[in-house]
């Protein structure tokens, strides 16, 4: 039989995963960054310049640049340089996305387990 302690351990492990992915959640938690990220995903071109993102999102150039820096720091967006031109595109390196997928699977496991043992009304044995 599953115990209260096992439920706590599973939730603690999930909290640690969340901490590791916190920059990703923080980056995607802002509506402006979501707009930029969606513009990059929906573009028929591979890579958009700041000016193109400014037009598509109706944000100022400094705002777009600021948000791109946060998206890059979270490893959601990458940069390709051609001479003096910078092109930004969604990061398709599977490492970051695999970590998010794994966490989503762990959330599902923890929630189902917690529900099966009566969380939050568990009593310590």
C-alpha atoms as a PDB file:
ATOM      1  CA  UNK A   1       0.000   0.000   0.000  1.00  0.00           C
ATOM      2  CA  UNK A   2       1.166   3.509  -0.829  1.00  0.00           C
ATOM      3  CA  UNK A   3       1.965   5.780   2.059  1.00  0.00           C
ATOM      4  CA  UNK A   4       1.765   9.421   2.924  1.00  0.00           C
ATOM      5  CA  UNK A   5       5.591   9.562   2.899  1.00  0.00           C
ATOM      6  CA  UNK A   6       5.729   8.307  -0.708  1.00  0.00           C
ATOM      7  CA  UNK A   7       3.279  11.010  -1.735  1.00  0.00           C
ATOM      8  CA  UNK A   8       5.430  13.663  -0.058  1.00  0.00           C
ATOM      9  CA  UNK A   9       8.577  12.311  -1.723  1.00  0.00           C
ATOM     10  CA  UNK A  10       6.949  12.376  -5.164  1.00  0.00           C
ATOM     11  CA  UNK A  11       5.745  15.942  -4.684  1.00  0.00           C
ATOM     12  CA  UNK A  12       9.182  17.029  -3.413  1.00  0.00           C
ATOM     13  CA  UNK A  13      10.874  15.530  -6.484  1.00  0.00           C
ATOM     14  CA  UNK A  14       8.367  17.330  -8.701  1.00  0.00           C
ATOM     15  CA  UNK A  15       9.107  20.621  -6.926  1.00  0.00           C
ATOM     16  CA  UNK A  16      12.799  20.171  -7.718  1.00  0.00           C
ATOM     17  CA  UNK A  17      12.005  19.593 -11.407  1.00  0.00           C
ATOM     18  CA  UNK A  18       9.911  22.752 -11.371  1.00  0.00           C
ATOM     19  CA  UNK A  19      12.837  24.719  -9.868  1.00  0.00           C
ATOM     20  CA  UNK A  20      15.112  23.506 -12.655  1.00  0.00           C
ATOM     21  CA  UNK A  21      12.622  24.613 -15.320  1.00  0.00           C
ATOM     22  CA  UNK A  22      11.659  27.856 -13.574  1.00  0.00           C
ATOM     23  CA  UNK A  23      13.484  30.062 -16.149  1.00  0.00           C
ATOM     24  CA  UNK A  24      11.448  28.420 -18.913  1.00  0.00           C
ATOM     25  CA  UNK A  25       8.172  29.050 -17.078  1.00  0.00           C
ATOM     26  CA  UNK A  26       9.171  32.619 -16.235  1.00  0.00           C
ATOM     27  CA  UNK A  27      10.080  33.280 -19.865  1.00  0.00           C
ATOM     28  CA  UNK A  28       6.813  31.907 -21.197  1.00  0.00           C
ATOM     29  CA  UNK A  29       4.763  33.435 -18.379  1.00  0.00           C
ATOM     30  CA  UNK A  30       4.833  36.887 -19.956  1.00  0.00           C
ATOM     31  CA  UNK A  31       2.244  37.653 -22.657  1.00  0.00           C
ATOM     32  CA  UNK A  32       4.703  39.726 -24.699  1.00  0.00           C
ATOM     33  CA  UNK A  33       7.208  36.878 -24.774  1.00  0.00           C
ATOM     34  CA  UNK A  34       4.412  34.506 -25.712  1.00  0.00           C
ATOM     35  CA  UNK A  35       3.569  36.812 -28.638  1.00  0.00           C
ATOM     36  CA  UNK A  36       7.192  36.849 -29.773  1.00  0.00           C
ATOM     37  CA  UNK A  37       7.545  33.094 -29.422  1.00  0.00           C
ATOM     38  CA  UNK A  38       4.307  32.505 -31.342  1.00  0.00           C
ATOM     39  CA  UNK A  39       5.460  34.893 -34.079  1.00  0.00           C
ATOM     40  CA  UNK A  40       8.649  32.863 -34.428  1.00  0.00           C
ATOM     41  CA  UNK A  41       6.723  29.588 -34.554  1.00  0.00           C
ATOM     42  CA  UNK A  42       4.127  30.853 -37.031  1.00  0.00           C
ATOM     43  CA  UNK A  43       6.596  32.513 -39.384  1.00  0.00           C
ATOM     44  CA  UNK A  44       7.072  30.955 -42.800  1.00  0.00           C
ATOM     45  CA  UNK A  45      10.653  32.194 -42.610  1.00  0.00           C
ATOM     46  CA  UNK A  46      13.277  30.515 -40.476  1.00  0.00           C
ATOM     47  CA  UNK A  47      14.481  33.361 -38.344  1.00  0.00           C
ATOM     48  CA  UNK A  48      13.042  36.818 -37.869  1.00  0.00           C
ATOM     49  CA  UNK A  49      14.823  40.080 -37.226  1.00  0.00           C
ATOM     50  CA  UNK A  50      13.890  42.430 -34.389  1.00  0.00           C
ATOM     51  CA  UNK A  51      12.171  44.801 -36.830  1.00  0.00           C
ATOM     52  CA  UNK A  52       9.999  42.004 -38.184  1.00  0.00           C
ATOM     53  CA  UNK A  53       9.064  40.936 -34.664  1.00  0.00           C
ATOM     54  CA  UNK A  54       8.273  44.565 -33.812  1.00  0.00           C
ATOM     55  CA  UNK A  55       5.805  44.685 -36.721  1.00  0.00           C
ATOM     56  CA  UNK A  56       4.185  41.384 -35.846  1.00  0.00           C
ATOM     57  CA  UNK A  57       3.851  42.027 -32.119  1.00  0.00           C
ATOM     58  CA  UNK A  58       3.342  45.816 -32.059  1.00  0.00           C
ATOM     59  CA  UNK A  59       6.004  46.105 -29.354  1.00  0.00           C
ATOM     60  CA  UNK A  60       8.839  48.620 -29.465  1.00  0.00           C
ATOM     61  CA  UNK A  61      12.265  47.524 -30.709  1.00  0.00           C
ATOM     62  CA  UNK A  62      13.818  47.866 -27.224  1.00  0.00           C
ATOM     63  CA  UNK A  63      10.968  45.801 -25.742  1.00  0.00           C
ATOM     64  CA  UNK A  64      11.373  43.069 -28.359  1.00  0.00           C
ATOM     65  CA  UNK A  65      15.129  42.991 -27.762  1.00  0.00           C
ATOM     66  CA  UNK A  66      14.599  42.774 -24.007  1.00  0.00           C
ATOM     67  CA  UNK A  67      12.128  39.910 -24.321  1.00  0.00           C
ATOM     68  CA  UNK A  68      14.329  38.084 -26.823  1.00  0.00           C
ATOM     69  CA  UNK A  69      17.184  38.193 -24.319  1.00  0.00           C
ATOM     70  CA  UNK A  70      14.990  36.521 -21.697  1.00  0.00           C
ATOM     71  CA  UNK A  71      13.806  33.904 -24.202  1.00  0.00           C
ATOM     72  CA  UNK A  72      17.405  33.237 -25.223  1.00  0.00           C
ATOM     73  CA  UNK A  73      18.542  32.958 -21.597  1.00  0.00           C
ATOM     74  CA  UNK A  74      15.788  30.369 -21.053  1.00  0.00           C
ATOM     75  CA  UNK A  75      17.075  28.515 -24.143  1.00  0.00           C
ATOM     76  CA  UNK A  76      13.752  28.867 -25.950  1.00  0.00           C
ATOM     77  CA  UNK A  77      15.097  31.057 -28.743  1.00  0.00           C
ATOM     78  CA  UNK A  78      18.339  30.966 -30.652  1.00  0.00           C
ATOM     79  CA  UNK A  79      20.195  33.564 -32.677  1.00  0.00           C
ATOM     80  CA  UNK A  80      21.827  33.244 -36.095  1.00  0.00           C
ATOM     81  CA  UNK A  81      24.072  36.041 -37.357  1.00  0.00           C
ATOM     82  CA  UNK A  82      24.652  36.899 -40.993  1.00  0.00           C
ATOM     83  CA  UNK A  83      27.100  39.765 -41.063  1.00  0.00           C
ATOM     84  CA  UNK A  84      25.436  42.525 -39.058  1.00  0.00           C
ATOM     85  CA  UNK A  85      21.989  40.948 -39.250  1.00  0.00           C
ATOM     86  CA  UNK A  86      20.604  38.912 -36.366  1.00  0.00           C
ATOM     87  CA  UNK A  87      17.904  36.334 -36.984  1.00  0.00           C
ATOM     88  CA  UNK A  88      15.987  34.806 -34.093  1.00  0.00           C
ATOM     89  CA  UNK A  89      14.246  31.450 -34.250  1.00  0.00           C
ATOM     90  CA  UNK A  90      12.596  28.967 -31.899  1.00  0.00           C
ATOM     91  CA  UNK A  91      15.072  26.533 -30.371  1.00  0.00           C
ATOM     92  CA  UNK A  92      14.342  23.036 -31.631  1.00  0.00           C
ATOM     93  CA  UNK A  93      17.015  21.346 -29.534  1.00  0.00           C
ATOM     94  CA  UNK A  94      15.041  18.543 -27.975  1.00  0.00           C
ATOM     95  CA  UNK A  95      16.858  18.640 -24.621  1.00  0.00           C
ATOM     96  CA  UNK A  96      14.878  21.587 -23.250  1.00  0.00           C
ATOM     97  CA  UNK A  97      11.570  20.346 -24.593  1.00  0.00           C
ATOM     98  CA  UNK A  98      12.216  16.794 -23.348  1.00  0.00           C
ATOM     99  CA  UNK A  99      12.701  18.140 -19.818  1.00  0.00           C
ATOM    100  CA  UNK A 100       9.355  19.941 -20.066  1.00  0.00           C
ATOM    101  CA  UNK A 101       7.642  16.816 -21.446  1.00  0.00           C
ATOM    102  CA  UNK A 102       9.135  14.697 -18.652  1.00  0.00           C
ATOM    103  CA  UNK A 103       7.941  17.164 -16.054  1.00  0.00           C
ATOM    104  CA  UNK A 104       4.419  17.134 -17.539  1.00  0.00           C
ATOM    105  CA  UNK A 105       4.425  13.336 -17.318  1.00  0.00           C
ATOM    106  CA  UNK A 106       5.609  13.525 -13.705  1.00  0.00           C
ATOM    107  CA  UNK A 107       2.869  16.032 -12.886  1.00  0.00           C
ATOM    108  CA  UNK A 108       0.314  13.612 -14.276  1.00  0.00           C
ATOM    109  CA  UNK A 109       1.790  10.731 -12.261  1.00  0.00           C
ATOM    110  CA  UNK A 110       1.924  12.713  -9.020  1.00  0.00           C
ATOM    111  CA  UNK A 111      -1.598  14.106  -9.410  1.00  0.00           C
ATOM    112  CA  UNK A 112      -3.078  10.688 -10.187  1.00  0.00           C
ATOM    113  CA  UNK A 113      -1.196   9.105  -7.298  1.00  0.00           C
ATOM    114  CA  UNK A 114      -2.162  11.847  -4.862  1.00  0.00           C
ATOM    115  CA  UNK A 115      -5.794  11.509  -5.889  1.00  0.00           C
ATOM    116  CA  UNK A 116      -5.682   7.726  -5.459  1.00  0.00           C
ATOM    117  CA  UNK A 117      -4.444   7.986  -1.867  1.00  0.00           C
ATOM    118  CA  UNK A 118      -6.850  10.726  -0.833  1.00  0.00           C
ATOM    119  CA  UNK A 119      -4.542  13.751  -0.885  1.00  0.00           C
ATOM    120  CA  UNK A 120      -4.939  16.306   0.706  1.00  0.00           C
ATOM    121  CA  UNK A 121      -6.831  14.412   3.395  1.00  0.00           C
ATOM    122  CA  UNK A 122      -4.032  11.939   4.081  1.00  0.00           C
ATOM    123  CA  UNK A 123      -3.104  11.037   7.588  1.00  0.00           C
ATOM    124  CA  UNK A 124       0.421  10.063   8.454  1.00  0.00           C
ATOM    125  CA  UNK A 125       0.709   6.373   9.335  1.00  0.00           C
END
